[in-house]
Amino acid sequence: MIQFFRLKGLQEIDAEYGIISGKDARNFFIKRFVYLILFVYCTLFLAVAIPFVETPCMAIYFLGSFATAIFVFRLINHVRSYFKYRNGSISLNSQFIEIKNSENKFQIPLDAISYLEINFLGNLIIREKHNVHSFPRVLLKEEQREELSLLFEDISPKRTRVFKKIWEFVDAVVVALVLAIHIIQYVVQAYYIPTSSMEDTLMVGDHLFVEKITYGPVIPQMLGMKSPLHLSSLGIRPIERGDIVIFTPPIESEKHKDYIKRCIALPGDDFHLENGKVYVNGKEQVEPYTLGKPTEHANFNLARNVNIEGKVPPGKVIVLGDNRTNSSDGRYFGYLDISSIKGRAFILYWNTKEILHGNFSRLGLIR
């Protein structure tokens, strides 16, 4: 933040502040390089993971790249200043301000100083009538930076307070946004059911939470990645038959949507349909959640030429909707990549129509 100062009474002052060195310098630059990595990561992550917008979001790429470029410019300036002012210091007394760098030192009489400012690079700029001097205030210890600023009088304290409030607000919003999207991506997310494909397990208008811990996190397909990365080793257990899952469908025109279906067959299972019944590994499956509706291509209004019968390939599963006569599921799009699964339906917490009629019977864990 840019601030402007004037000198105030320094008659009693005799202070010196030295540039950081050793462990302090290492920590300073390590922290900045970590921040730089986080800037880049958050830009790439938010652009593909932010909900309710088409991804990748070019606006986030632009804003993130702009912020990163500014940060890189500041970091380069910090490195150059560190080598120029290594073992240097700034001293203040009742007569002059002395700046010492790694090669020489010079004094600025107090009565020659017009005003001082802190620029966006974190440098203290000392302006004389015909000359300008700079000192890397950012390379002082944090407590020394604050103490140095207190030696001067802010020319526009109201402006400074407003700018600080704006910065604190923007900082809080950005941090909250980043944390919220990481929680949505890796922990839990709220969903709304808009179709009848999972009736009567899930009804139109249901609001539910989907947890993303059981199967392990899925890192979204960021710039430079060929596909999402499923870290199944960090999960609690692999996907099981009967799990109700949220996933990105393997349909190009539907990539921006999320589907919810029930997992019926796992990798290596032998899947077969016969007389409206589902057979897995030769055994007829007991499926009370279908309410007796047949599982056939003939009764499926979106049926197309896909073959999901036989042995399920590695890394794939078969998912079907509970409402077998009205569901765009594996009979339509074929096998589903496990890496496309975002999480497991966990808790049904709201359905406005049922709640208004006093019906709370369906709320709770989803099975």
Protein backbone atom coordinates (compact mmCIF):
# COMPACT_ATOMS: atom_id res chain seq x y z
CA MET A 1 0.00 0.00 0.00
CA ILE A 2 1.27 3.50 -0.89
CA GLN A 3 1.59 5.91 2.05
CA PHE A 4 2.88 9.46 2.33
CA PHE A 5 4.65 10.90 5.38
CA ARG A 6 6.12 14.12 6.69
CA LEU A 7 8.81 14.44 9.31
CA LYS A 8 7.78 15.06 12.88
CA GLY A 9 9.90 15.90 15.89
CA LEU A 10 13.02 13.72 15.83
CA GLN A 11 14.96 15.72 18.44
CA GLU A 12 15.08 12.84 20.87
CA ILE A 13 15.54 10.11 18.26
CA ASP A 14 18.72 8.15 17.61
CA ALA A 15 17.73 4.89 15.95
CA GLU A 16 19.29 2.44 13.50
CA TYR A 17 17.62 -0.42 11.64
CA GLY A 18 19.63 -3.06 9.80
CA ILE A 19 18.79 -5.13 6.75
CA ILE A 20 17.83 -8.74 7.54
CA SER A 21 20.55 -11.34 7.22
CA GLY A 22 21.27 -15.01 7.87
CA LYS A 23 18.26 -17.01 9.01
CA ASP A 24 15.92 -14.02 8.80
CA ALA A 25 16.86 -13.41 5.16
CA ARG A 26 16.43 -17.10 4.27
CA ASN A 27 13.02 -17.22 5.91
CA PHE A 28 11.99 -14.01 4.15
CA PHE A 29 12.79 -15.30 0.66
CA ILE A 30 11.57 -18.87 1.30
CA LYS A 31 8.24 -17.42 2.40
CA ARG A 32 8.02 -15.29 -0.75
CA PHE A 33 8.83 -18.21 -3.04
CA VAL A 34 6.15 -20.28 -1.29
CA TYR A 35 3.69 -17.42 -1.81
CA LEU A 36 4.63 -17.35 -5.50
CA ILE A 37 3.95 -21.08 -5.86
CA LEU A 38 0.60 -20.60 -4.09
CA PHE A 39 -0.29 -17.70 -6.42
CA VAL A 40 0.33 -19.88 -9.47
CA TYR A 41 -1.42 -22.93 -7.99
CA CYS A 42 -4.50 -20.98 -6.86
CA THR A 43 -4.83 -19.36 -10.29
CA LEU A 44 -4.70 -22.72 -12.07
CA PHE A 45 -6.96 -24.37 -9.48
CA LEU A 46 -9.66 -21.70 -9.26
CA ALA A 47 -9.87 -21.38 -13.04
CA VAL A 48 -11.00 -25.01 -13.37
CA ALA A 49 -12.68 -25.66 -10.01
CA ILE A 50 -14.79 -22.57 -9.37
CA PRO A 51 -18.48 -23.53 -9.40
CA PHE A 52 -21.40 -21.93 -11.29
CA VAL A 53 -19.29 -20.66 -14.20
CA GLU A 54 -17.99 -22.24 -17.38
CA THR A 55 -14.52 -23.59 -16.82
CA PRO A 56 -11.71 -22.97 -17.46
CA CYS A 57 -12.58 -19.42 -16.43
CA MET A 58 -10.47 -17.01 -18.47
CA ALA A 59 -11.23 -14.10 -16.13
CA ILE A 60 -9.51 -15.95 -13.27
CA TYR A 61 -6.56 -16.78 -15.52
CA PHE A 62 -6.24 -13.07 -16.31
CA LEU A 63 -6.62 -11.81 -12.73
CA GLY A 64 -4.34 -14.51 -11.34
CA SER A 65 -1.69 -13.90 -13.99
CA PHE A 66 -1.83 -10.16 -13.34
CA ALA A 67 -1.45 -10.64 -9.57
CA THR A 68 1.35 -13.18 -10.09
CA ALA A 69 3.20 -10.82 -12.45
CA ILE A 70 3.07 -8.05 -9.83
CA PHE A 71 4.29 -10.44 -7.16
CA VAL A 72 7.17 -11.66 -9.37
CA PHE A 73 8.14 -8.05 -10.12
CA ARG A 74 8.18 -7.28 -6.38
CA LEU A 75 10.17 -10.43 -5.63
CA ILE A 76 12.81 -9.58 -8.24
CA ASN A 77 13.08 -6.10 -6.72
CA HIS A 78 13.50 -7.61 -3.23
CA VAL A 79 16.33 -9.85 -4.47
CA ARG A 80 18.13 -6.97 -6.22
CA SER A 81 17.70 -4.74 -3.16
CA TYR A 82 19.00 -7.45 -0.85
CA PHE A 83 22.28 -7.78 -2.74
CA LYS A 84 22.62 -4.00 -3.06
CA TYR A 85 21.87 -3.27 0.61
CA ARG A 86 23.25 -6.43 2.22
CA ASN A 87 24.72 -5.52 5.64
CA GLY A 88 23.24 -2.07 5.14
CA SER A 89 21.02 -0.02 7.43
CA ILE A 90 19.02 3.17 7.86
CA SER A 91 19.77 5.53 10.76
CA LEU A 92 17.79 8.49 12.04
CA ASN A 93 18.75 11.27 14.43
CA SER A 94 17.87 14.90 15.06
CA GLN A 95 19.93 16.17 12.10
CA PHE A 96 19.84 13.68 9.25
CA ILE A 97 18.78 10.31 7.90
CA GLU A 98 21.69 8.07 6.92
CA ILE A 99 21.33 5.23 4.42
CA LYS A 100 24.07 2.63 4.19
CA ASN A 101 24.28 -0.02 1.48
CA SER A 102 26.87 -2.74 0.80
CA GLU A 103 29.28 -0.26 -0.83
CA ASN A 104 28.83 3.21 0.62
CA LYS A 105 26.65 5.45 2.72
CA PHE A 106 25.10 8.89 2.37
CA GLN A 107 23.33 11.33 4.64
CA ILE A 108 20.17 13.32 3.97
CA PRO A 109 19.71 16.45 6.14
CA LEU A 110 16.27 16.59 7.70
CA ASP A 111 15.68 20.17 6.61
CA ALA A 112 16.26 19.14 2.96
CA ILE A 113 13.52 16.48 2.97
CA SER A 114 10.21 17.45 1.31
CA TYR A 115 8.28 14.31 2.23
CA LEU A 116 8.58 10.52 2.43
CA GLU A 117 6.52 7.71 0.95
CA ILE A 118 6.24 3.93 0.97
CA ASN A 119 5.70 2.67 -2.58
CA PHE A 120 4.05 -0.54 -3.80
CA LEU A 121 7.44 -2.31 -3.82
CA GLY A 122 7.74 -1.79 -0.06
CA ASN A 123 10.58 0.74 -0.41
CA LEU A 124 10.88 3.90 1.67
CA ILE A 125 11.27 6.82 -0.74
CA ILE A 126 12.88 9.98 0.66
CA ARG A 127 12.23 13.00 -1.54
CA GLU A 128 14.33 16.13 -1.50
CA LYS A 129 13.66 19.15 -3.68
CA HIS A 130 16.06 18.00 -6.41
CA ASN A 131 16.83 14.42 -5.42
CA VAL A 132 15.20 11.11 -4.52
CA HIS A 133 16.61 8.36 -2.28
CA SER A 134 15.28 4.84 -1.79
CA PHE A 135 15.68 2.32 1.01
CA PRO A 136 14.25 -1.27 1.00
CA ARG A 137 12.09 -0.95 4.10
CA VAL A 138 10.55 -4.36 3.30
CA LEU A 139 13.92 -5.99 4.07
CA LEU A 140 13.78 -4.90 7.71
CA LYS A 141 12.33 -7.14 10.39
CA GLU A 142 8.58 -6.72 10.68
CA GLU A 143 8.71 -5.04 14.07
CA GLN A 144 11.38 -2.64 12.79
CA ARG A 145 9.25 -1.74 9.77
CA GLU A 146 6.39 -0.77 12.05
CA GLU A 147 8.67 1.13 14.42
CA LEU A 148 10.24 3.05 11.54
CA SER A 149 6.84 4.12 10.22
CA LEU A 150 5.87 5.42 13.67
CA LEU A 151 8.77 7.87 13.52
CA PHE A 152 7.00 9.76 10.73
CA GLU A 153 3.63 11.51 10.53
CA ASP A 154 1.11 10.18 8.02
CA ILE A 155 0.08 13.05 5.73
CA SER A 156 -3.33 11.48 5.05
CA PRO A 157 -4.31 9.13 7.88
CA LYS A 158 -7.94 8.87 6.73
CA ARG A 159 -6.81 7.76 3.27
CA THR A 160 -4.48 5.20 4.86
CA ARG A 161 -7.28 3.80 7.02
CA VAL A 162 -9.63 3.51 4.04
CA PHE A 163 -6.98 1.76 1.95
CA LYS A 164 -6.18 -0.63 4.81
CA LYS A 165 -9.86 -1.48 5.23
CA ILE A 166 -10.22 -2.12 1.49
CA TRP A 167 -7.10 -4.29 1.48
CA GLU A 168 -8.24 -6.25 4.54
CA PHE A 169 -11.66 -6.81 2.95
CA VAL A 170 -10.24 -7.95 -0.40
CA ASP A 171 -7.69 -10.17 1.36
CA ALA A 172 -10.40 -11.76 3.52
CA VAL A 173 -12.70 -12.35 0.53
CA VAL A 174 -9.96 -13.92 -1.60
CA VAL A 175 -8.75 -16.19 1.22
CA ALA A 176 -12.34 -17.21 2.02
CA LEU A 177 -13.01 -17.93 -1.68
CA VAL A 178 -9.88 -20.07 -2.03
CA LEU A 179 -10.65 -22.01 1.15
CA ALA A 180 -14.32 -22.48 0.22
CA ILE A 181 -13.52 -23.87 -3.24
CA HIS A 182 -10.92 -26.23 -1.78
CA ILE A 183 -13.55 -27.48 0.69
CA ILE A 184 -16.03 -27.91 -2.17
CA GLN A 185 -13.45 -29.71 -4.30
CA TYR A 186 -11.95 -31.98 -1.64
CA VAL A 187 -14.31 -32.25 1.37
CA VAL A 188 -18.03 -31.62 0.93
CA GLN A 189 -20.36 -29.96 -1.56
CA ALA A 190 -24.06 -29.18 -1.63
CA TYR A 191 -26.12 -30.42 -4.59
CA TYR A 192 -29.67 -30.01 -5.86
CA ILE A 193 -31.58 -32.78 -7.66
CA PRO A 194 -33.30 -31.37 -10.80
CA THR A 195 -34.47 -34.63 -12.46
CA SER A 196 -36.32 -37.82 -11.59
CA SER A 197 -33.56 -40.27 -12.61
CA MET A 198 -32.97 -41.45 -9.01
CA GLU A 199 -36.60 -41.69 -7.83
CA ASP A 200 -37.69 -42.78 -5.30
CA THR A 201 -34.33 -42.71 -3.51
CA LEU A 202 -33.82 -39.06 -4.46
CA MET A 203 -36.69 -36.84 -5.58
CA VAL A 204 -36.82 -33.69 -7.68
CA GLY A 205 -36.10 -30.77 -5.36
CA ASP A 206 -33.91 -32.70 -2.94
CA HIS A 207 -30.92 -30.88 -1.47
CA LEU A 208 -28.04 -33.08 -0.36
CA PHE A 209 -24.43 -33.02 0.76
CA VAL A 210 -21.86 -35.02 -1.20
CA GLU A 211 -18.72 -35.97 0.73
CA LYS A 212 -15.42 -36.28 -1.13
CA ILE A 213 -13.22 -37.93 1.48
CA THR A 214 -14.20 -41.61 1.15
CA TYR A 215 -12.72 -42.21 -2.31
CA GLY A 216 -9.77 -39.82 -1.95
CA PRO A 217 -9.33 -36.35 -3.47
CA VAL A 218 -9.61 -35.70 -7.20
CA ILE A 219 -7.28 -32.95 -8.38
CA PRO A 220 -9.07 -31.17 -11.25
CA GLN A 221 -7.58 -31.04 -14.72
CA MET A 222 -5.44 -27.94 -14.43
CA LEU A 223 -3.37 -26.36 -17.18
CA GLY A 224 -0.68 -28.82 -18.30
CA MET A 225 -2.54 -31.91 -17.04
CA LYS A 226 -3.98 -34.47 -19.48
CA SER A 227 -6.80 -35.49 -17.14
CA PRO A 228 -7.98 -35.15 -13.52
CA LEU A 229 -5.78 -36.93 -10.99
CA HIS A 230 -7.54 -39.26 -8.54
CA LEU A 231 -5.45 -39.80 -5.38
CA SER A 232 -7.23 -42.96 -4.30
CA SER A 233 -4.41 -43.82 -1.87
CA LEU A 234 -5.57 -40.91 0.31
CA GLY A 235 -9.14 -42.21 0.49
CA ILE A 236 -10.83 -44.25 3.20
CA ARG A 237 -12.02 -47.03 0.90
CA PRO A 238 -12.59 -47.70 -2.81
CA ILE A 239 -15.97 -47.35 -4.45
CA GLU A 240 -18.41 -50.17 -3.67
CA ARG A 241 -21.51 -51.56 -5.33
CA GLY A 242 -24.57 -49.66 -4.19
CA ASP A 243 -22.76 -46.36 -3.60
CA ILE A 244 -24.62 -43.34 -4.94
CA VAL A 245 -22.04 -41.15 -6.64
CA ILE A 246 -21.70 -37.72 -8.23
CA PHE A 247 -19.62 -37.61 -11.41
CA THR A 248 -18.81 -35.78 -14.61
CA PRO A 249 -20.53 -37.74 -17.42
CA PRO A 250 -18.46 -39.05 -20.36
CA ILE A 251 -20.58 -37.00 -22.76
CA GLU A 252 -18.80 -34.08 -24.40
CA SER A 253 -21.88 -31.83 -24.46
CA GLU A 254 -22.58 -32.53 -20.78
CA LYS A 255 -19.09 -31.99 -19.32
CA HIS A 256 -20.26 -28.83 -17.54
CA LYS A 257 -22.93 -30.80 -15.63
CA ASP A 258 -22.82 -33.27 -12.74
CA TYR A 259 -24.76 -36.53 -12.79
CA ILE A 260 -25.82 -38.64 -9.82
CA LYS A 261 -26.33 -42.42 -10.19
CA ARG A 262 -25.83 -45.66 -8.29
CA CYS A 263 -22.74 -47.82 -8.80
CA ILE A 264 -23.81 -51.27 -9.97
CA ALA A 265 -20.62 -53.00 -11.18
CA LEU A 266 -16.92 -52.57 -10.34
CA PRO A 267 -13.73 -53.19 -12.36
CA GLY A 268 -13.42 -56.89 -13.14
CA ASP A 269 -17.11 -57.64 -12.52
CA ASP A 270 -19.08 -59.55 -15.14
CA PHE A 271 -22.17 -57.44 -15.91
CA HIS A 272 -25.24 -58.73 -17.75
CA LEU A 273 -28.86 -57.67 -18.37
CA GLU A 274 -31.56 -60.29 -18.89
CA ASN A 275 -35.36 -60.04 -18.74
CA GLY A 276 -35.17 -56.61 -17.11
CA LYS A 277 -32.90 -57.89 -14.35
CA VAL A 278 -29.28 -57.03 -13.51
CA TYR A 279 -26.77 -59.84 -13.09
CA VAL A 280 -23.31 -59.26 -11.62
CA ASN A 281 -20.86 -62.16 -11.66
CA GLY A 282 -23.73 -64.48 -12.58
CA LYS A 283 -25.94 -63.49 -9.62
CA GLU A 284 -29.22 -61.66 -9.96
CA GLN A 285 -29.04 -58.42 -7.99
CA VAL A 286 -31.69 -57.60 -5.42
CA GLU A 287 -32.54 -53.94 -6.14
CA PRO A 288 -35.49 -52.76 -4.04
CA TYR A 289 -34.64 -49.12 -4.85
CA THR A 290 -35.81 -49.62 -8.49
CA LEU A 291 -39.37 -50.31 -7.27
CA GLY A 292 -39.61 -53.20 -9.74
CA LYS A 293 -38.91 -51.14 -12.86
CA PRO A 294 -37.15 -53.21 -15.55
CA THR A 295 -33.54 -52.53 -16.51
CA GLU A 296 -33.69 -52.78 -20.28
CA HIS A 297 -32.48 -50.86 -23.29
CA ALA A 298 -35.89 -51.25 -24.89
CA ASN A 299 -37.56 -49.18 -22.16
CA PHE A 300 -34.83 -46.56 -22.15
CA ASN A 301 -35.75 -43.50 -24.18
CA LEU A 302 -32.13 -42.41 -24.76
CA ALA A 303 -30.77 -45.84 -25.67
CA ARG A 304 -27.99 -45.90 -28.22
CA ASN A 305 -25.49 -48.42 -29.47
CA VAL A 306 -23.25 -48.93 -26.41
CA ASN A 307 -22.13 -52.24 -25.04
CA ILE A 308 -21.62 -52.50 -21.29
CA GLU A 309 -22.24 -56.21 -20.99
CA GLY A 310 -19.36 -58.47 -20.11
CA LYS A 311 -16.30 -57.82 -17.97
CA VAL A 312 -15.94 -54.26 -16.68
CA PRO A 313 -12.52 -52.87 -17.75
CA PRO A 314 -9.91 -51.69 -15.19
CA GLY A 315 -10.49 -48.16 -13.93
CA LYS A 316 -14.15 -48.26 -15.00
CA VAL A 317 -17.50 -48.79 -13.29
CA ILE A 318 -21.10 -49.13 -14.41
CA VAL A 319 -23.61 -46.68 -12.97
CA LEU A 320 -27.39 -46.78 -13.36
CA GLY A 321 -30.20 -44.56 -12.11
CA ASP A 322 -32.69 -46.01 -9.65
CA ASN A 323 -35.52 -44.87 -11.94
CA ARG A 324 -34.58 -47.40 -14.63
CA THR A 325 -37.20 -46.20 -17.15
CA ASN A 326 -36.07 -42.57 -17.10
CA SER A 327 -32.34 -42.22 -16.53
CA SER A 328 -29.40 -41.17 -18.71
CA ASP A 329 -26.92 -43.66 -17.30
CA GLY A 330 -24.45 -46.38 -18.32
CA ARG A 331 -26.92 -47.74 -20.87
CA TYR A 332 -26.57 -44.41 -22.68
CA PHE A 333 -22.95 -43.31 -22.18
CA GLY A 334 -21.26 -46.65 -21.44
CA TYR A 335 -18.57 -47.21 -18.82
CA LEU A 336 -17.63 -44.46 -16.38
CA ASP A 337 -14.03 -43.63 -15.49
CA ILE A 338 -13.51 -43.85 -11.73
CA SER A 339 -11.44 -40.65 -11.97
CA SER A 340 -14.62 -38.83 -13.09
CA ILE A 341 -16.33 -39.56 -9.76
CA LYS A 342 -16.36 -36.49 -7.52
CA GLY A 343 -17.84 -37.95 -4.36
CA ARG A 344 -20.49 -40.00 -2.59
CA ALA A 345 -24.01 -38.83 -1.78
CA PHE A 346 -24.05 -38.54 1.99
CA ILE A 347 -26.90 -36.65 3.63
CA LEU A 348 -30.28 -35.45 2.37
CA TYR A 349 -30.92 -32.27 4.33
CA TRP A 350 -33.77 -30.47 2.56
CA ASN A 351 -36.72 -30.73 0.18
CA THR A 352 -38.80 -27.57 0.25
CA LYS A 353 -42.07 -29.17 -0.89
CA GLU A 354 -41.90 -31.98 1.64
CA ILE A 355 -40.73 -29.73 4.48
CA LEU A 356 -43.64 -27.32 3.90
CA HIS A 357 -46.02 -30.28 4.20
CA GLY A 358 -44.39 -31.37 7.46
CA ASN A 359 -42.72 -34.47 5.98
CA PHE A 360 -39.24 -35.00 7.45
CA SER A 361 -39.13 -38.76 7.00
CA ARG A 362 -36.61 -38.82 4.16
CA LEU A 363 -34.05 -36.49 5.73
CA GLY A 364 -30.79 -38.08 6.87
CA LEU A 365 -28.20 -40.49 5.52
CA ILE A 366 -28.65 -41.52 1.88
CA ARG A 367 -28.59 -45.22 1.06
